[in-house]
């Protein structure tokens, strides 16, 4: 079974999860290590941290504070890679979030992954 490296609780604020951050920076510590080619799962919030809801109101889109968005899971380290090493992350599968009331997911076949 594929190991889940990052788990989230959609009913809680992303600020309560130590594996969530809002920027890529060398000072953000690696939370988990994997081997090259290893499959794993990372759960994540949407970019708003759950502020935008799946309902008939657009108020949340109008009222969002854009200074606090861009929630990210990770970072994950790859054994044998350095910060200077270019990495290619291949999204080979998309898993629908079973706990979310609405979600947008995408699947990228391997032949398209070179665009990332």
C-alpha atoms as a PDB file:
ATOM      1  CA  UNK A   1       0.000   0.000   0.000  1.00  0.00           C
ATOM      2  CA  UNK A   2       1.260   3.472  -0.891  1.00  0.00           C
ATOM      3  CA  UNK A   3       2.337   5.467   2.164  1.00  0.00           C
ATOM      4  CA  UNK A   4       0.548   8.748   2.917  1.00  0.00           C
ATOM      5  CA  UNK A   5       3.223  11.276   3.890  1.00  0.00           C
ATOM      6  CA  UNK A   6       0.956  14.239   4.593  1.00  0.00           C
ATOM      7  CA  UNK A   7      -2.517  13.933   6.087  1.00  0.00           C
ATOM      8  CA  UNK A   8      -4.905  16.821   6.497  1.00  0.00           C
ATOM      9  CA  UNK A   9      -8.180  17.444   8.281  1.00  0.00           C
ATOM     10  CA  UNK A  10     -10.420  19.619   6.110  1.00  0.00           C
ATOM     11  CA  UNK A  11     -12.436  20.652   9.167  1.00  0.00           C
ATOM     12  CA  UNK A  12      -9.374  22.315  10.732  1.00  0.00           C
ATOM     13  CA  UNK A  13      -7.401  25.384   9.767  1.00  0.00           C
ATOM     14  CA  UNK A  14      -4.241  24.685   7.745  1.00  0.00           C
ATOM     15  CA  UNK A  15      -2.386  26.761  10.362  1.00  0.00           C
ATOM     16  CA  UNK A  16      -2.859  23.880  12.821  1.00  0.00           C
ATOM     17  CA  UNK A  17      -1.004  21.399  10.571  1.00  0.00           C
ATOM     18  CA  UNK A  18       2.795  21.508  10.878  1.00  0.00           C
ATOM     19  CA  UNK A  19       3.195  19.873   7.447  1.00  0.00           C
ATOM     20  CA  UNK A  20       1.538  22.816   5.654  1.00  0.00           C
ATOM     21  CA  UNK A  21       3.310  26.049   4.710  1.00  0.00           C
ATOM     22  CA  UNK A  22       2.685  28.929   2.331  1.00  0.00           C
ATOM     23  CA  UNK A  23       6.012  29.415   0.529  1.00  0.00           C
ATOM     24  CA  UNK A  24       8.911  27.472  -0.929  1.00  0.00           C
ATOM     25  CA  UNK A  25      12.071  28.632   0.842  1.00  0.00           C
ATOM     26  CA  UNK A  26      15.333  26.895   1.863  1.00  0.00           C
ATOM     27  CA  UNK A  27      14.497  27.528   5.542  1.00  0.00           C
ATOM     28  CA  UNK A  28      11.307  25.450   5.377  1.00  0.00           C
ATOM     29  CA  UNK A  29      12.424  22.068   6.772  1.00  0.00           C
ATOM     30  CA  UNK A  30      11.905  18.822   4.852  1.00  0.00           C
ATOM     31  CA  UNK A  31       9.113  16.896   6.557  1.00  0.00           C
ATOM     32  CA  UNK A  32       9.687  13.458   5.032  1.00  0.00           C
ATOM     33  CA  UNK A  33      12.245  11.638   2.869  1.00  0.00           C
ATOM     34  CA  UNK A  34      11.584   9.269  -0.050  1.00  0.00           C
ATOM     35  CA  UNK A  35      13.731   7.166  -2.360  1.00  0.00           C
ATOM     36  CA  UNK A  36      13.993   8.025  -6.067  1.00  0.00           C
ATOM     37  CA  UNK A  37      11.041   6.445  -7.898  1.00  0.00           C
ATOM     38  CA  UNK A  38       9.091   5.781  -4.702  1.00  0.00           C
ATOM     39  CA  UNK A  39       5.318   6.291  -4.887  1.00  0.00           C
ATOM     40  CA  UNK A  40       3.633   8.255  -2.118  1.00  0.00           C
ATOM     41  CA  UNK A  41       0.494  10.244  -1.357  1.00  0.00           C
ATOM     42  CA  UNK A  42       0.355  13.836  -0.142  1.00  0.00           C
ATOM     43  CA  UNK A  43      -2.946  15.287   0.970  1.00  0.00           C
ATOM     44  CA  UNK A  44      -3.266  19.040   0.649  1.00  0.00           C
ATOM     45  CA  UNK A  45      -5.639  21.916   1.116  1.00  0.00           C
ATOM     46  CA  UNK A  46      -6.801  23.972  -1.827  1.00  0.00           C
ATOM     47  CA  UNK A  47      -4.794  27.149  -2.371  1.00  0.00           C
ATOM     48  CA  UNK A  48      -7.147  29.134  -0.104  1.00  0.00           C
ATOM     49  CA  UNK A  49      -6.830  26.795   2.866  1.00  0.00           C
ATOM     50  CA  UNK A  50     -10.507  25.936   2.644  1.00  0.00           C
ATOM     51  CA  UNK A  51     -11.727  29.544   2.666  1.00  0.00           C
ATOM     52  CA  UNK A  52     -13.670  29.145  -0.581  1.00  0.00           C
ATOM     53  CA  UNK A  53     -16.641  26.866  -0.011  1.00  0.00           C
ATOM     54  CA  UNK A  54     -18.671  24.744  -2.424  1.00  0.00           C
ATOM     55  CA  UNK A  55     -21.981  26.597  -2.140  1.00  0.00           C
ATOM     56  CA  UNK A  56     -24.172  29.032  -4.054  1.00  0.00           C
ATOM     57  CA  UNK A  57     -22.584  32.162  -2.563  1.00  0.00           C
ATOM     58  CA  UNK A  58     -19.739  34.113  -4.161  1.00  0.00           C
ATOM     59  CA  UNK A  59     -19.081  36.087  -0.976  1.00  0.00           C
ATOM     60  CA  UNK A  60     -16.070  33.955  -0.073  1.00  0.00           C
ATOM     61  CA  UNK A  61     -14.437  34.703  -3.436  1.00  0.00           C
ATOM     62  CA  UNK A  62     -15.152  38.418  -3.009  1.00  0.00           C
ATOM     63  CA  UNK A  63     -13.936  38.509   0.608  1.00  0.00           C
ATOM     64  CA  UNK A  64     -10.829  36.327   0.450  1.00  0.00           C
ATOM     65  CA  UNK A  65      -7.701  37.817   1.990  1.00  0.00           C
ATOM     66  CA  UNK A  66      -5.134  37.268  -0.754  1.00  0.00           C
ATOM     67  CA  UNK A  67      -2.242  37.967   1.636  1.00  0.00           C
ATOM     68  CA  UNK A  68      -2.729  34.614   3.401  1.00  0.00           C
ATOM     69  CA  UNK A  69      -3.340  32.183   0.542  1.00  0.00           C
ATOM     70  CA  UNK A  70      -1.096  29.675  -1.266  1.00  0.00           C
ATOM     71  CA  UNK A  71      -1.117  26.725   1.129  1.00  0.00           C
ATOM     72  CA  UNK A  72       1.327  23.931   0.252  1.00  0.00           C
ATOM     73  CA  UNK A  73       2.085  20.461   1.608  1.00  0.00           C
ATOM     74  CA  UNK A  74       5.664  19.414   2.206  1.00  0.00           C
ATOM     75  CA  UNK A  75       8.439  19.782   1.328  1.00  0.00           C
ATOM     76  CA  UNK A  76       9.454  16.196   0.631  1.00  0.00           C
ATOM     77  CA  UNK A  77      13.146  15.337   0.260  1.00  0.00           C
ATOM     78  CA  UNK A  78      14.469  12.758  -2.208  1.00  0.00           C
ATOM     79  CA  UNK A  79      17.472  10.718  -1.052  1.00  0.00           C
ATOM     80  CA  UNK A  80      20.478  11.395  -3.274  1.00  0.00           C
ATOM     81  CA  UNK A  81      19.175  14.717  -4.580  1.00  0.00           C
ATOM     82  CA  UNK A  82      20.554  18.091  -3.562  1.00  0.00           C
ATOM     83  CA  UNK A  83      18.822  21.462  -3.569  1.00  0.00           C
ATOM     84  CA  UNK A  84      20.716  22.240  -6.782  1.00  0.00           C
ATOM     85  CA  UNK A  85      19.448  19.091  -8.503  1.00  0.00           C
ATOM     86  CA  UNK A  86      16.584  19.542 -10.927  1.00  0.00           C
ATOM     87  CA  UNK A  87      13.715  17.232 -10.156  1.00  0.00           C
ATOM     88  CA  UNK A  88      10.927  15.959 -12.324  1.00  0.00           C
ATOM     89  CA  UNK A  89       7.739  15.182 -10.491  1.00  0.00           C
ATOM     90  CA  UNK A  90       5.401  12.991 -12.465  1.00  0.00           C
ATOM     91  CA  UNK A  91       1.719  13.117 -11.667  1.00  0.00           C
ATOM     92  CA  UNK A  92       0.701   9.695 -12.839  1.00  0.00           C
ATOM     93  CA  UNK A  93      -2.580   9.438 -10.984  1.00  0.00           C
ATOM     94  CA  UNK A  94      -5.207  11.674  -9.549  1.00  0.00           C
ATOM     95  CA  UNK A  95      -7.164  10.668  -6.491  1.00  0.00           C
ATOM     96  CA  UNK A  96     -10.509  12.288  -5.810  1.00  0.00           C
ATOM     97  CA  UNK A  97     -10.692  13.752  -2.336  1.00  0.00           C
ATOM     98  CA  UNK A  98     -13.361  11.675  -0.655  1.00  0.00           C
ATOM     99  CA  UNK A  99     -13.848  14.093   2.238  1.00  0.00           C
ATOM    100  CA  UNK A 100     -14.287  17.316   0.287  1.00  0.00           C
ATOM    101  CA  UNK A 101     -17.676  18.532  -0.851  1.00  0.00           C
ATOM    102  CA  UNK A 102     -16.164  19.895  -4.047  1.00  0.00           C
ATOM    103  CA  UNK A 103     -12.753  19.492  -5.610  1.00  0.00           C
ATOM    104  CA  UNK A 104     -10.831  20.022  -8.800  1.00  0.00           C
ATOM    105  CA  UNK A 105      -8.331  17.349  -9.748  1.00  0.00           C
ATOM    106  CA  UNK A 106      -6.291  16.668 -12.826  1.00  0.00           C
ATOM    107  CA  UNK A 107      -4.546  13.635 -14.266  1.00  0.00           C
ATOM    108  CA  UNK A 108      -1.363  14.024 -16.261  1.00  0.00           C
ATOM    109  CA  UNK A 109      -0.122  11.119 -18.384  1.00  0.00           C
ATOM    110  CA  UNK A 110       3.634  10.545 -18.216  1.00  0.00           C
ATOM    111  CA  UNK A 111       4.178  11.847 -21.754  1.00  0.00           C
ATOM    112  CA  UNK A 112       2.838  15.261 -20.661  1.00  0.00           C
ATOM    113  CA  UNK A 113       4.826  15.512 -17.423  1.00  0.00           C
ATOM    114  CA  UNK A 114       7.817  17.140 -19.137  1.00  0.00           C
ATOM    115  CA  UNK A 115       5.894  20.403 -19.039  1.00  0.00           C
ATOM    116  CA  UNK A 116       6.328  20.634 -15.271  1.00  0.00           C
END
